[in-house]
Amino acid sequence: MDEDGIYKRIGEFVVCFQFVENKLREIGQYILDPQRKIWPPKALRKESSDHLADNVAKLYDENLHRCSLPAVYELELRTEFRDLITRFHALRKARNRFLHSAYVELKARGEIQALLV
C-alpha cells in the first residue's frame, strides 16, 4: 500500500478543486464588474464554496439576457451552466468527505496494510 500516494492524490484533488472554485469566483466577479473598476475585486471573496456556487449561478441566470443572444442559445447556456454548478456541488461534497473523514491505518509487521475511511 502506498499511503503517501493516496495522500498526494487527495492533495492534488484539493488543489484542482481550489482552481475550479477560483474560476467560478472570477466568473461571478466579472458579471458584477465587467469593466474591472474595482481592483482587486472584493465581491465573493469570503463566500464558502457552497454559497459561492449558488450566488454565481443566480448572477449568471439574472444577467445572461444582457448578452442579447437568440433565445435558443440562452436556454442552452442556462442549462449547461446549471449542470456545471450541479457537478461543482458534487465535487465540493467529495472534497469535504476526503478532507473531513477520519482515516484509520491498519498496520501489520510495521507496515500499513490498509486505510479505512
PDB file of N, CA and C in Angstrom:
ATOM      1  N   MET A   1       0.843  -1.185   0.000  1.00  0.00           N
ATOM      2  CA  MET A   1       0.000   0.000   0.000  1.00  0.00           C
ATOM      3  C   MET A   1       0.881   1.237   0.000  1.00  0.00           C
ATOM      4  N   ASP A   2       0.525   2.173  -0.838  1.00  0.00           N
ATOM      5  CA  ASP A   2       1.280   3.421  -0.965  1.00  0.00           C
ATOM      6  C   ASP A   2       0.480   4.552  -0.335  1.00  0.00           C
ATOM      7  N   GLU A   3       0.553   4.660   1.008  1.00  0.00           N
ATOM      8  CA  GLU A   3      -0.243   5.690   1.680  1.00  0.00           C
ATOM      9  C   GLU A   3       0.198   7.098   1.293  1.00  0.00           C
ATOM     10  N   ASP A   4       1.493   7.287   1.030  1.00  0.00           N
ATOM     11  CA  ASP A   4       1.947   8.612   0.582  1.00  0.00           C
ATOM     12  C   ASP A   4       1.292   8.981  -0.748  1.00  0.00           C
ATOM     13  N   GLY A   5       1.157   8.005  -1.626  1.00  0.00           N
ATOM     14  CA  GLY A   5       0.497   8.244  -2.910  1.00  0.00           C
ATOM     15  C   GLY A   5      -0.964   8.623  -2.734  1.00  0.00           C
ATOM     16  N   ILE A   6      -1.625   7.978  -1.773  1.00  0.00           N
ATOM     17  CA  ILE A   6      -3.035   8.289  -1.505  1.00  0.00           C
ATOM     18  C   ILE A   6      -3.166   9.726  -1.010  1.00  0.00           C
ATOM     19  N   TYR A   7      -2.322  10.097  -0.036  1.00  0.00           N
ATOM     20  CA  TYR A   7      -2.387  11.464   0.489  1.00  0.00           C
ATOM     21  C   TYR A   7      -1.999  12.484  -0.578  1.00  0.00           C
ATOM     22  N   LYS A   8      -1.080  12.125  -1.456  1.00  0.00           N
ATOM     23  CA  LYS A   8      -0.688  13.008  -2.557  1.00  0.00           C
ATOM     24  C   LYS A   8      -1.877  13.237  -3.490  1.00  0.00           C
ATOM     25  N   ARG A   9      -2.600  12.174  -3.806  1.00  0.00           N
ATOM     26  CA  ARG A   9      -3.762  12.307  -4.697  1.00  0.00           C
ATOM     27  C   ARG A   9      -4.846  13.169  -4.063  1.00  0.00           C
ATOM     28  N   ILE A  10      -5.052  13.019  -2.762  1.00  0.00           N
ATOM     29  CA  ILE A  10      -6.030  13.863  -2.068  1.00  0.00           C
ATOM     30  C   ILE A  10      -5.602  15.324  -2.175  1.00  0.00           C
ATOM     31  N   GLY A  11      -4.324  15.590  -1.972  1.00  0.00           N
ATOM     32  CA  GLY A  11      -3.804  16.953  -2.098  1.00  0.00           C
ATOM     33  C   GLY A  11      -3.980  17.501  -3.501  1.00  0.00           C
ATOM     34  N   GLU A  12      -3.722  16.679  -4.507  1.00  0.00           N
ATOM     35  CA  GLU A  12      -3.907  17.114  -5.890  1.00  0.00           C
ATOM     36  C   GLU A  12      -5.367  17.445  -6.174  1.00  0.00           C
ATOM     37  N   PHE A  13      -6.256  16.609  -5.646  1.00  0.00           N
ATOM     38  CA  PHE A  13      -7.684  16.855  -5.823  1.00  0.00           C
ATOM     39  C   PHE A  13      -8.074  18.192  -5.209  1.00  0.00           C
ATOM     40  N   VAL A  14      -7.576  18.464  -4.011  1.00  0.00           N
ATOM     41  CA  VAL A  14      -7.907  19.708  -3.315  1.00  0.00           C
ATOM     42  C   VAL A  14      -7.392  20.917  -4.101  1.00  0.00           C
ATOM     43  N   VAL A  15      -6.165  20.837  -4.597  1.00  0.00           N
ATOM     44  CA  VAL A  15      -5.599  21.947  -5.373  1.00  0.00           C
ATOM     45  C   VAL A  15      -6.413  22.172  -6.649  1.00  0.00           C
ATOM     46  N   CYS A  16      -6.777  21.114  -7.337  1.00  0.00           N
ATOM     47  CA  CYS A  16      -7.595  21.241  -8.555  1.00  0.00           C
ATOM     48  C   CYS A  16      -8.962  21.832  -8.228  1.00  0.00           C
ATOM     49  N   PHE A  17      -9.547  21.395  -7.117  1.00  0.00           N
ATOM     50  CA  PHE A  17     -10.842  21.941  -6.707  1.00  0.00           C
ATOM     51  C   PHE A  17     -10.720  23.443  -6.459  1.00  0.00           C
ATOM     52  N   GLN A  18      -9.659  23.855  -5.770  1.00  0.00           N
ATOM     53  CA  GLN A  18      -9.472  25.278  -5.486  1.00  0.00           C
ATOM     54  C   GLN A  18      -9.318  26.081  -6.773  1.00  0.00           C
ATOM     55  N   PHE A  19      -8.678  25.499  -7.780  1.00  0.00           N
ATOM     56  CA  PHE A  19      -8.535  26.168  -9.068  1.00  0.00           C
ATOM     57  C   PHE A  19      -9.914  26.397  -9.694  1.00  0.00           C
ATOM     58  N   VAL A  20     -10.745  25.359  -9.706  1.00  0.00           N
ATOM     59  CA  VAL A  20     -12.089  25.465 -10.279  1.00  0.00           C
ATOM     60  C   VAL A  20     -12.925  26.459  -9.477  1.00  0.00           C
ATOM     61  N   GLU A  21     -12.821  26.386  -8.154  1.00  0.00           N
ATOM     62  CA  GLU A  21     -13.554  27.315  -7.291  1.00  0.00           C
ATOM     63  C   GLU A  21     -13.154  28.761  -7.605  1.00  0.00           C
ATOM     64  N   ASN A  22     -11.873  29.004  -7.811  1.00  0.00           N
ATOM     65  CA  ASN A  22     -11.415  30.351  -8.131  1.00  0.00           C
ATOM     66  C   ASN A  22     -11.956  30.809  -9.485  1.00  0.00           C
ATOM     67  N   LYS A  23     -12.007  29.916 -10.460  1.00  0.00           N
ATOM     68  CA  LYS A  23     -12.563  30.284 -11.770  1.00  0.00           C
ATOM     69  C   LYS A  23     -14.037  30.656 -11.634  1.00  0.00           C
ATOM     70  N   LEU A  24     -14.760  29.934 -10.805  1.00  0.00           N
ATOM     71  CA  LEU A  24     -16.168  30.250 -10.561  1.00  0.00           C
ATOM     72  C   LEU A  24     -16.286  31.636  -9.915  1.00  0.00           C
ATOM     73  N   ARG A  25     -15.403  31.917  -8.961  1.00  0.00           N
ATOM     74  CA  ARG A  25     -15.391  33.231  -8.314  1.00  0.00           C
ATOM     75  C   ARG A  25     -15.104  34.324  -9.356  1.00  0.00           C
ATOM     76  N   GLU A  26     -14.159  34.072 -10.258  1.00  0.00           N
ATOM     77  CA  GLU A  26     -13.834  35.056 -11.289  1.00  0.00           C
ATOM     78  C   GLU A  26     -15.022  35.309 -12.220  1.00  0.00           C
ATOM     79  N   ILE A  27     -15.775  34.282 -12.543  1.00  0.00           N
ATOM     80  CA  ILE A  27     -16.974  34.454 -13.375  1.00  0.00           C
ATOM     81  C   ILE A  27     -17.951  35.391 -12.668  1.00  0.00           C
ATOM     82  N   GLY A  28     -18.193  35.138 -11.390  1.00  0.00           N
ATOM     83  CA  GLY A  28     -19.100  35.990 -10.625  1.00  0.00           C
ATOM     84  C   GLY A  28     -18.604  37.416 -10.530  1.00  0.00           C
ATOM     85  N   GLN A  29     -17.309  37.584 -10.301  1.00  0.00           N
ATOM     86  CA  GLN A  29     -16.748  38.931 -10.207  1.00  0.00           C
ATOM     87  C   GLN A  29     -16.839  39.656 -11.539  1.00  0.00           C
ATOM     88  N   TYR A  30     -16.641  38.931 -12.623  1.00  0.00           N
ATOM     89  CA  TYR A  30     -16.748  39.550 -13.943  1.00  0.00           C
ATOM     90  C   TYR A  30     -18.187  39.991 -14.224  1.00  0.00           C
ATOM     91  N   ILE A  31     -19.152  39.175 -13.816  1.00  0.00           N
ATOM     92  CA  ILE A  31     -20.563  39.554 -14.004  1.00  0.00           C
ATOM     93  C   ILE A  31     -20.869  40.826 -13.214  1.00  0.00           C
ATOM     94  N   LEU A  32     -20.363  40.913 -11.991  1.00  0.00           N
ATOM     95  CA  LEU A  32     -20.630  42.064 -11.136  1.00  0.00           C
ATOM     96  C   LEU A  32     -19.899  43.326 -11.588  1.00  0.00           C
ATOM     97  N   ASP A  33     -18.705  43.159 -12.155  1.00  0.00           N
ATOM     98  CA  ASP A  33     -17.896  44.316 -12.522  1.00  0.00           C
ATOM     99  C   ASP A  33     -17.115  44.023 -13.804  1.00  0.00           C
ATOM    100  N   PRO A  34     -17.811  43.994 -14.947  1.00  0.00           N
ATOM    101  CA  PRO A  34     -17.146  43.621 -16.201  1.00  0.00           C
ATOM    102  C   PRO A  34     -16.029  44.585 -16.620  1.00  0.00           C
ATOM    103  N   GLN A  35     -16.106  45.816 -16.190  1.00  0.00           N
ATOM    104  CA  GLN A  35     -15.074  46.805 -16.540  1.00  0.00           C
ATOM    105  C   GLN A  35     -13.884  46.766 -15.580  1.00  0.00           C
ATOM    106  N   ARG A  36     -13.972  45.951 -14.541  1.00  0.00           N
ATOM    107  CA  ARG A  36     -12.914  45.857 -13.520  1.00  0.00           C
ATOM    108  C   ARG A  36     -12.598  47.240 -12.928  1.00  0.00           C
ATOM    109  N   LYS A  37     -13.665  47.972 -12.572  1.00  0.00           N
ATOM    110  CA  LYS A  37     -13.493  49.293 -11.986  1.00  0.00           C
ATOM    111  C   LYS A  37     -12.945  49.209 -10.567  1.00  0.00           C
ATOM    112  N   ILE A  38     -13.273  48.137  -9.869  1.00  0.00           N
ATOM    113  CA  ILE A  38     -12.767  47.934  -8.502  1.00  0.00           C
ATOM    114  C   ILE A  38     -11.714  46.837  -8.564  1.00  0.00           C
ATOM    115  N   TRP A  39     -10.477  47.216  -8.234  1.00  0.00           N
ATOM    116  CA  TRP A  39      -9.392  46.231  -8.265  1.00  0.00           C
ATOM    117  C   TRP A  39      -8.568  46.328  -6.998  1.00  0.00           C
ATOM    118  N   PRO A  40      -8.286  45.239  -6.360  1.00  0.00           N
ATOM    119  CA  PRO A  40      -8.729  43.885  -6.666  1.00  0.00           C
ATOM    120  C   PRO A  40     -10.198  43.712  -6.295  1.00  0.00           C
ATOM    121  N   PRO A  41     -10.872  42.801  -6.977  1.00  0.00           N
ATOM    122  CA  PRO A  41     -12.299  42.600  -6.692  1.00  0.00           C
ATOM    123  C   PRO A  41     -12.509  42.091  -5.268  1.00  0.00           C
ATOM    124  N   LYS A  42     -13.481  42.679  -4.619  1.00  0.00           N
ATOM    125  CA  LYS A  42     -13.761  42.280  -3.237  1.00  0.00           C
ATOM    126  C   LYS A  42     -15.000  41.380  -3.138  1.00  0.00           C
ATOM    127  N   ALA A  43     -15.848  41.459  -4.145  1.00  0.00           N
ATOM    128  CA  ALA A  43     -17.084  40.672  -4.131  1.00  0.00           C
ATOM    129  C   ALA A  43     -16.762  39.189  -4.202  1.00  0.00           C
ATOM    130  N   LEU A  44     -17.507  38.417  -3.469  1.00  0.00           N
ATOM    131  CA  LEU A  44     -17.459  36.946  -3.491  1.00  0.00           C
ATOM    132  C   LEU A  44     -16.164  36.365  -2.918  1.00  0.00           C
ATOM    133  N   ARG A  45     -15.321  37.186  -2.311  1.00  0.00           N
ATOM    134  CA  ARG A  45     -14.035  36.676  -1.810  1.00  0.00           C
ATOM    135  C   ARG A  45     -14.177  35.819  -0.564  1.00  0.00           C
ATOM    136  N   LYS A  46     -15.171  36.091   0.252  1.00  0.00           N
ATOM    137  CA  LYS A  46     -15.280  35.380   1.530  1.00  0.00           C
ATOM    138  C   LYS A  46     -16.405  34.357   1.549  1.00  0.00           C
ATOM    139  N   GLU A  47     -16.961  34.079   0.402  1.00  0.00           N
ATOM    140  CA  GLU A  47     -18.055  33.120   0.302  1.00  0.00           C
ATOM    141  C   GLU A  47     -17.532  31.697   0.458  1.00  0.00           C
ATOM    142  N   SER A  48     -18.288  30.867   1.156  1.00  0.00           N
ATOM    143  CA  SER A  48     -17.970  29.441   1.172  1.00  0.00           C
ATOM    144  C   SER A  48     -18.228  28.898  -0.229  1.00  0.00           C
ATOM    145  N   SER A  49     -17.624  27.783  -0.564  1.00  0.00           N
ATOM    146  CA  SER A  49     -17.801  27.241  -1.917  1.00  0.00           C
ATOM    147  C   SER A  49     -19.264  26.932  -2.210  1.00  0.00           C
ATOM    148  N   ASP A  50     -20.005  26.515  -1.210  1.00  0.00           N
ATOM    149  CA  ASP A  50     -21.430  26.220  -1.368  1.00  0.00           C
ATOM    150  C   ASP A  50     -22.190  27.487  -1.767  1.00  0.00           C
ATOM    151  N   HIS A  51     -22.030  28.546  -0.982  1.00  0.00           N
ATOM    152  CA  HIS A  51     -22.733  29.805  -1.275  1.00  0.00           C
ATOM    153  C   HIS A  51     -22.195  30.461  -2.542  1.00  0.00           C
ATOM    154  N   LEU A  52     -20.904  30.340  -2.769  1.00  0.00           N
ATOM    155  CA  LEU A  52     -20.308  30.903  -3.972  1.00  0.00           C
ATOM    156  C   LEU A  52     -20.978  30.338  -5.222  1.00  0.00           C
ATOM    157  N   ALA A  53     -21.082  29.025  -5.292  1.00  0.00           N
ATOM    158  CA  ALA A  53     -21.681  28.377  -6.468  1.00  0.00           C
ATOM    159  C   ALA A  53     -23.120  28.838  -6.672  1.00  0.00           C
ATOM    160  N   ASP A  54     -23.883  28.862  -5.598  1.00  0.00           N
ATOM    161  CA  ASP A  54     -25.287  29.275  -5.721  1.00  0.00           C
ATOM    162  C   ASP A  54     -25.414  30.746  -6.113  1.00  0.00           C
ATOM    163  N   ASN A  55     -24.566  31.592  -5.535  1.00  0.00           N
ATOM    164  CA  ASN A  55     -24.639  33.022  -5.854  1.00  0.00           C
ATOM    165  C   ASN A  55     -24.204  33.308  -7.286  1.00  0.00           C
ATOM    166  N   VAL A  56     -23.160  32.636  -7.750  1.00  0.00           N
ATOM    167  CA  VAL A  56     -22.710  32.842  -9.130  1.00  0.00           C
ATOM    168  C   VAL A  56     -23.762  32.306 -10.108  1.00  0.00           C
ATOM    169  N   ALA A  57     -24.370  31.182  -9.774  1.00  0.00           N
ATOM    170  CA  ALA A  57     -25.433  30.644 -10.632  1.00  0.00           C
ATOM    171  C   ALA A  57     -26.587  31.647 -10.738  1.00  0.00           C
ATOM    172  N   LYS A  58     -26.926  32.266  -9.630  1.00  0.00           N
ATOM    173  CA  LYS A  58     -28.009  33.260  -9.629  1.00  0.00           C
ATOM    174  C   LYS A  58     -27.606  34.488 -10.460  1.00  0.00           C
ATOM    175  N   LEU A  59     -26.378  34.975 -10.264  1.00  0.00           N
ATOM    176  CA  LEU A  59     -25.896  36.115 -11.050  1.00  0.00           C
ATOM    177  C   LEU A  59     -25.916  35.801 -12.541  1.00  0.00           C
ATOM    178  N   TYR A  60     -25.456  34.617 -12.894  1.00  0.00           N
ATOM    179  CA  TYR A  60     -25.423  34.187 -14.295  1.00  0.00           C
ATOM    180  C   TYR A  60     -26.837  34.173 -14.871  1.00  0.00           C
ATOM    181  N   ASP A  61     -27.740  33.560 -14.113  1.00  0.00           N
ATOM    182  CA  ASP A  61     -29.128  33.450 -14.557  1.00  0.00           C
ATOM    183  C   ASP A  61     -29.778  34.824 -14.736  1.00  0.00           C
ATOM    184  N   GLU A  62     -29.506  35.732 -13.809  1.00  0.00           N
ATOM    185  CA  GLU A  62     -30.125  37.059 -13.839  1.00  0.00           C
ATOM    186  C   GLU A  62     -29.530  37.986 -14.910  1.00  0.00           C
ATOM    187  N   ASN A  63     -28.315  37.685 -15.363  1.00  0.00           N
ATOM    188  CA  ASN A  63     -27.632  38.620 -16.257  1.00  0.00           C
ATOM    189  C   ASN A  63     -27.386  38.101 -17.660  1.00  0.00           C
ATOM    190  N   LEU A  64     -27.662  36.854 -17.927  1.00  0.00           N
ATOM    191  CA  LEU A  64     -27.383  36.295 -19.249  1.00  0.00           C
ATOM    192  C   LEU A  64     -28.144  37.036 -20.349  1.00  0.00           C
ATOM    193  N   HIS A  65     -29.339  37.517 -20.049  1.00  0.00           N
ATOM    194  CA  HIS A  65     -30.142  38.229 -21.059  1.00  0.00           C
ATOM    195  C   HIS A  65     -29.420  39.471 -21.597  1.00  0.00           C
ATOM    196  N   ARG A  66     -28.490  40.014 -20.827  1.00  0.00           N
ATOM    197  CA  ARG A  66     -27.749  41.214 -21.243  1.00  0.00           C
ATOM    198  C   ARG A  66     -26.843  40.942 -22.447  1.00  0.00           C
ATOM    199  N   CYS A  67     -26.583  39.680 -22.728  1.00  0.00           N
ATOM    200  CA  CYS A  67     -25.747  39.320 -23.877  1.00  0.00           C
ATOM    201  C   CYS A  67     -26.524  39.365 -25.183  1.00  0.00           C
ATOM    202  N   SER A  68     -27.844  39.489 -25.100  1.00  0.00           N
ATOM    203  CA  SER A  68     -28.720  39.576 -26.290  1.00  0.00           C
ATOM    204  C   SER A  68     -28.516  38.405 -27.247  1.00  0.00           C
ATOM    205  N   LEU A  69     -28.495  37.221 -26.710  1.00  0.00           N
ATOM    206  CA  LEU A  69     -28.359  36.009 -27.519  1.00  0.00           C
ATOM    207  C   LEU A  69     -29.723  35.555 -28.017  1.00  0.00           C
ATOM    208  N   PRO A  70     -29.739  34.818 -29.114  1.00  0.00           N
ATOM    209  CA  PRO A  70     -31.006  34.199 -29.521  1.00  0.00           C
ATOM    210  C   PRO A  70     -31.520  33.300 -28.387  1.00  0.00           C
ATOM    211  N   ALA A  71     -32.815  33.245 -28.239  1.00  0.00           N
ATOM    212  CA  ALA A  71     -33.431  32.521 -27.115  1.00  0.00           C
ATOM    213  C   ALA A  71     -32.948  31.080 -27.009  1.00  0.00           C
ATOM    214  N   VAL A  72     -32.773  30.414 -28.139  1.00  0.00           N
ATOM    215  CA  VAL A  72     -32.366  29.018 -28.106  1.00  0.00           C
ATOM    216  C   VAL A  72     -30.972  28.870 -27.489  1.00  0.00           C
ATOM    217  N   TYR A  73     -30.068  29.797 -27.793  1.00  0.00           N
ATOM    218  CA  TYR A  73     -28.719  29.743 -27.226  1.00  0.00           C
ATOM    219  C   TYR A  73     -28.740  30.086 -25.744  1.00  0.00           C
ATOM    220  N   GLU A  74     -29.559  31.067 -25.395  1.00  0.00           N
ATOM    221  CA  GLU A  74     -29.655  31.455 -23.993  1.00  0.00           C
ATOM    222  C   GLU A  74     -30.153  30.284 -23.152  1.00  0.00           C
ATOM    223  N   LEU A  75     -31.162  29.589 -23.627  1.00  0.00           N
ATOM    224  CA  LEU A  75     -31.681  28.432 -22.908  1.00  0.00           C
ATOM    225  C   LEU A  75     -30.610  27.352 -22.772  1.00  0.00           C
ATOM    226  N   GLU A  76     -29.884  27.106 -23.859  1.00  0.00           N
ATOM    227  CA  GLU A  76     -28.825  26.092 -23.835  1.00  0.00           C
ATOM    228  C   GLU A  76     -27.722  26.470 -22.837  1.00  0.00           C
ATOM    229  N   LEU A  77     -27.323  27.734 -22.831  1.00  0.00           N
ATOM    230  CA  LEU A  77     -26.281  28.178 -21.907  1.00  0.00           C
ATOM    231  C   LEU A  77     -26.745  28.113 -20.459  1.00  0.00           C
ATOM    232  N   ARG A  78     -27.989  28.473 -20.209  1.00  0.00           N
ATOM    233  CA  ARG A  78     -28.528  28.367 -18.844  1.00  0.00           C
ATOM    234  C   ARG A  78     -28.488  26.917 -18.360  1.00  0.00           C
ATOM    235  N   THR A  79     -28.908  26.016 -19.225  1.00  0.00           N
ATOM    236  CA  THR A  79     -28.938  24.592 -18.874  1.00  0.00           C
ATOM    237  C   THR A  79     -27.529  24.076 -18.615  1.00  0.00           C
ATOM    238  N   GLU A  80     -26.595  24.420 -19.486  1.00  0.00           N
ATOM    239  CA  GLU A  80     -25.213  23.961 -19.315  1.00  0.00           C
ATOM    240  C   GLU A  80     -24.596  24.517 -18.040  1.00  0.00           C
ATOM    241  N   PHE A  81     -24.876  25.778 -17.731  1.00  0.00           N
ATOM    242  CA  PHE A  81     -24.295  26.366 -16.522  1.00  0.00           C
ATOM    243  C   PHE A  81     -24.894  25.723 -15.276  1.00  0.00           C
ATOM    244  N   ARG A  82     -26.194  25.472 -15.289  1.00  0.00           N
ATOM    245  CA  ARG A  82     -26.815  24.780 -14.146  1.00  0.00           C
ATOM    246  C   ARG A  82     -26.194  23.398 -13.951  1.00  0.00           C
ATOM    247  N   ASP A  83     -25.946  22.702 -15.058  1.00  0.00           N
ATOM    248  CA  ASP A  83     -25.304  21.386 -14.975  1.00  0.00           C
ATOM    249  C   ASP A  83     -23.903  21.495 -14.382  1.00  0.00           C
ATOM    250  N   LEU A  84     -23.159  22.523 -14.782  1.00  0.00           N
ATOM    251  CA  LEU A  84     -21.826  22.723 -14.218  1.00  0.00           C
ATOM    252  C   LEU A  84     -21.887  23.003 -12.719  1.00  0.00           C
ATOM    253  N   ILE A  85     -22.848  23.789 -12.302  1.00  0.00           N
ATOM    254  CA  ILE A  85     -22.996  24.082 -10.871  1.00  0.00           C
ATOM    255  C   ILE A  85     -23.362  22.805 -10.111  1.00  0.00           C
ATOM    256  N   THR A  86     -24.219  21.981 -10.677  1.00  0.00           N
ATOM    257  CA  THR A  86     -24.568  20.701 -10.052  1.00  0.00           C
ATOM    258  C   THR A  86     -23.332  19.824  -9.903  1.00  0.00           C
ATOM    259  N   ARG A  87     -22.512  19.760 -10.944  1.00  0.00           N
ATOM    260  CA  ARG A  87     -21.281  18.965 -10.885  1.00  0.00           C
ATOM    261  C   ARG A  87     -20.300  19.561  -9.884  1.00  0.00           C
ATOM    262  N   PHE A  88     -20.240  20.895  -9.804  1.00  0.00           N
ATOM    263  CA  PHE A  88     -19.376  21.548  -8.831  1.00  0.00           C
ATOM    264  C   PHE A  88     -19.789  21.168  -7.409  1.00  0.00           C
ATOM    265  N   HIS A  89     -21.095  21.167  -7.151  1.00  0.00           N
ATOM    266  CA  HIS A  89     -21.576  20.784  -5.814  1.00  0.00           C
ATOM    267  C   HIS A  89     -21.199  19.328  -5.493  1.00  0.00           C
ATOM    268  N   ALA A  90     -21.261  18.453  -6.479  1.00  0.00           N
ATOM    269  CA  ALA A  90     -20.860  17.055  -6.260  1.00  0.00           C
ATOM    270  C   ALA A  90     -19.368  16.978  -5.921  1.00  0.00           C
ATOM    271  N   LEU A  91     -18.555  17.738  -6.631  1.00  0.00           N
ATOM    272  CA  LEU A  91     -17.113  17.779  -6.320  1.00  0.00           C
ATOM    273  C   LEU A  91     -16.859  18.365  -4.941  1.00  0.00           C
ATOM    274  N   ARG A  92     -17.613  19.389  -4.594  1.00  0.00           N
ATOM    275  CA  ARG A  92     -17.475  20.023  -3.278  1.00  0.00           C
ATOM    276  C   ARG A  92     -17.774  19.030  -2.164  1.00  0.00           C
ATOM    277  N   LYS A  93     -18.821  18.246  -2.358  1.00  0.00           N
ATOM    278  CA  LYS A  93     -19.182  17.235  -1.348  1.00  0.00           C
ATOM    279  C   LYS A  93     -18.115  16.150  -1.257  1.00  0.00           C
ATOM    280  N   ALA A  94     -17.569  15.749  -2.395  1.00  0.00           N
ATOM    281  CA  ALA A  94     -16.494  14.746  -2.394  1.00  0.00           C
ATOM    282  C   ALA A  94     -15.271  15.301  -1.679  1.00  0.00           C
ATOM    283  N   ARG A  95     -14.925  16.542  -1.971  1.00  0.00           N
ATOM    284  CA  ARG A  95     -13.785  17.176  -1.302  1.00  0.00           C
ATOM    285  C   ARG A  95     -13.984  17.206   0.209  1.00  0.00           C
ATOM    286  N   ASN A  96     -15.178  17.576   0.637  1.00  0.00           N
ATOM    287  CA  ASN A  96     -15.457  17.616   2.071  1.00  0.00           C
ATOM    288  C   ASN A  96     -15.348  16.231   2.709  1.00  0.00           C
ATOM    289  N   ARG A  97     -15.809  15.210   1.992  1.00  0.00           N
ATOM    290  CA  ARG A  97     -15.684  13.842   2.503  1.00  0.00           C
ATOM    291  C   ARG A  97     -14.220  13.457   2.668  1.00  0.00           C
ATOM    292  N   PHE A  98     -13.417  13.777   1.662  1.00  0.00           N
ATOM    293  CA  PHE A  98     -11.992  13.440   1.728  1.00  0.00           C
ATOM    294  C   PHE A  98     -11.297  14.170   2.864  1.00  0.00           C
ATOM    295  N   LEU A  99     -11.590  15.446   3.006  1.00  0.00           N
ATOM    296  CA  LEU A  99     -10.859  16.262   3.973  1.00  0.00           C
ATOM    297  C   LEU A  99     -11.352  16.118   5.398  1.00  0.00           C
ATOM    298  N   HIS A 100     -12.606  15.792   5.574  1.00  0.00           N
ATOM    299  CA  HIS A 100     -13.162  15.765   6.922  1.00  0.00           C
ATOM    300  C   HIS A 100     -13.434  14.352   7.422  1.00  0.00           C
ATOM    301  N   SER A 101     -12.944  13.369   6.696  1.00  0.00           N
ATOM    302  CA  SER A 101     -13.102  11.982   7.133  1.00  0.00           C
ATOM    303  C   SER A 101     -11.965  11.608   8.072  1.00  0.00           C
ATOM    304  N   ALA A 102     -12.229  10.645   8.896  1.00  0.00           N
ATOM    305  CA  ALA A 102     -11.179  10.097   9.757  1.00  0.00           C
ATOM    306  C   ALA A 102     -10.550   8.923   9.024  1.00  0.00           C
ATOM    307  N   TYR A 103      -9.243   8.925   8.958  1.00  0.00           N
ATOM    308  CA  TYR A 103      -8.523   7.837   8.308  1.00  0.00           C
ATOM    309  C   TYR A 103      -7.872   6.981   9.386  1.00  0.00           C
ATOM    310  N   VAL A 104      -8.104   5.695   9.310  1.00  0.00           N
ATOM    311  CA  VAL A 104      -7.526   4.750  10.260  1.00  0.00           C
ATOM    312  C   VAL A 104      -6.561   3.863   9.481  1.00  0.00           C
ATOM    313  N   GLU A 105      -5.333   3.810   9.961  1.00  0.00           N
ATOM    314  CA  GLU A 105      -4.341   2.967   9.305  1.00  0.00           C
ATOM    315  C   GLU A 105      -4.330   1.595   9.961  1.00  0.00           C
ATOM    316  N   LEU A 106      -4.414   0.556   9.161  1.00  0.00           N
ATOM    317  CA  LEU A 106      -4.288  -0.814   9.659  1.00  0.00           C
ATOM    318  C   LEU A 106      -2.869  -1.280   9.371  1.00  0.00           C
ATOM    319  N   LYS A 107      -2.140  -1.588  10.451  1.00  0.00           N
ATOM    320  CA  LYS A 107      -0.742  -1.966  10.298  1.00  0.00           C
ATOM    321  C   LYS A 107      -0.541  -3.428  10.647  1.00  0.00           C
ATOM    322  N   ALA A 108       0.391  -4.032   9.966  1.00  0.00           N
ATOM    323  CA  ALA A 108       0.834  -5.395  10.263  1.00  0.00           C
ATOM    324  C   ALA A 108       2.325  -5.460   9.960  1.00  0.00           C
ATOM    325  N   ARG A 109       3.069  -5.990  10.868  1.00  0.00           N
ATOM    326  CA  ARG A 109       4.528  -6.074  10.722  1.00  0.00           C
ATOM    327  C   ARG A 109       5.150  -4.698  10.480  1.00  0.00           C
ATOM    328  N   GLY A 110       4.593  -3.674  11.095  1.00  0.00           N
ATOM    329  CA  GLY A 110       5.156  -2.341  10.989  1.00  0.00           C
ATOM    330  C   GLY A 110       4.841  -1.608   9.704  1.00  0.00           C
ATOM    331  N   GLU A 111       4.042  -2.213   8.836  1.00  0.00           N
ATOM    332  CA  GLU A 111       3.692  -1.578   7.573  1.00  0.00           C
ATOM    333  C   GLU A 111       2.190  -1.340   7.503  1.00  0.00           C
ATOM    334  N   ILE A 112       1.819  -0.296   6.824  1.00  0.00           N
ATOM    335  CA  ILE A 112       0.404  -0.006   6.633  1.00  0.00           C
ATOM    336  C   ILE A 112      -0.136  -0.948   5.581  1.00  0.00           C
ATOM    337  N   GLN A 113      -1.196  -1.662   5.941  1.00  0.00           N
ATOM    338  CA  GLN A 113      -1.812  -2.625   5.032  1.00  0.00           C
ATOM    339  C   GLN A 113      -3.068  -2.064   4.364  1.00  0.00           C
ATOM    340  N   ALA A 114      -3.722  -1.134   5.062  1.00  0.00           N
ATOM    341  CA  ALA A 114      -4.961  -0.582   4.521  1.00  0.00           C
ATOM    342  C   ALA A 114      -5.286   0.734   5.205  1.00  0.00           C
ATOM    343  N   LEU A 115      -6.067   1.547   4.542  1.00  0.00           N
ATOM    344  CA  LEU A 115      -6.607   2.774   5.106  1.00  0.00           C
ATOM    345  C   LEU A 115      -8.121   2.646   5.113  1.00  0.00           C
ATOM    346  N   LEU A 116      -8.726   2.927   6.254  1.00  0.00           N
ATOM    347  CA  LEU A 116     -10.177   2.910   6.358  1.00  0.00           C
ATOM    348  C   LEU A 116     -10.666   4.348   6.477  1.00  0.00           C
ATOM    349  N   VAL A 117     -11.735   4.629   5.788  1.00  0.00           N
ATOM    350  CA  VAL A 117     -12.318   5.976   5.859  1.00  0.00           C
ATOM    351  C   VAL A 117     -13.609   5.883   6.617  1.00  0.00           C
TER     352      VAL A 117
END
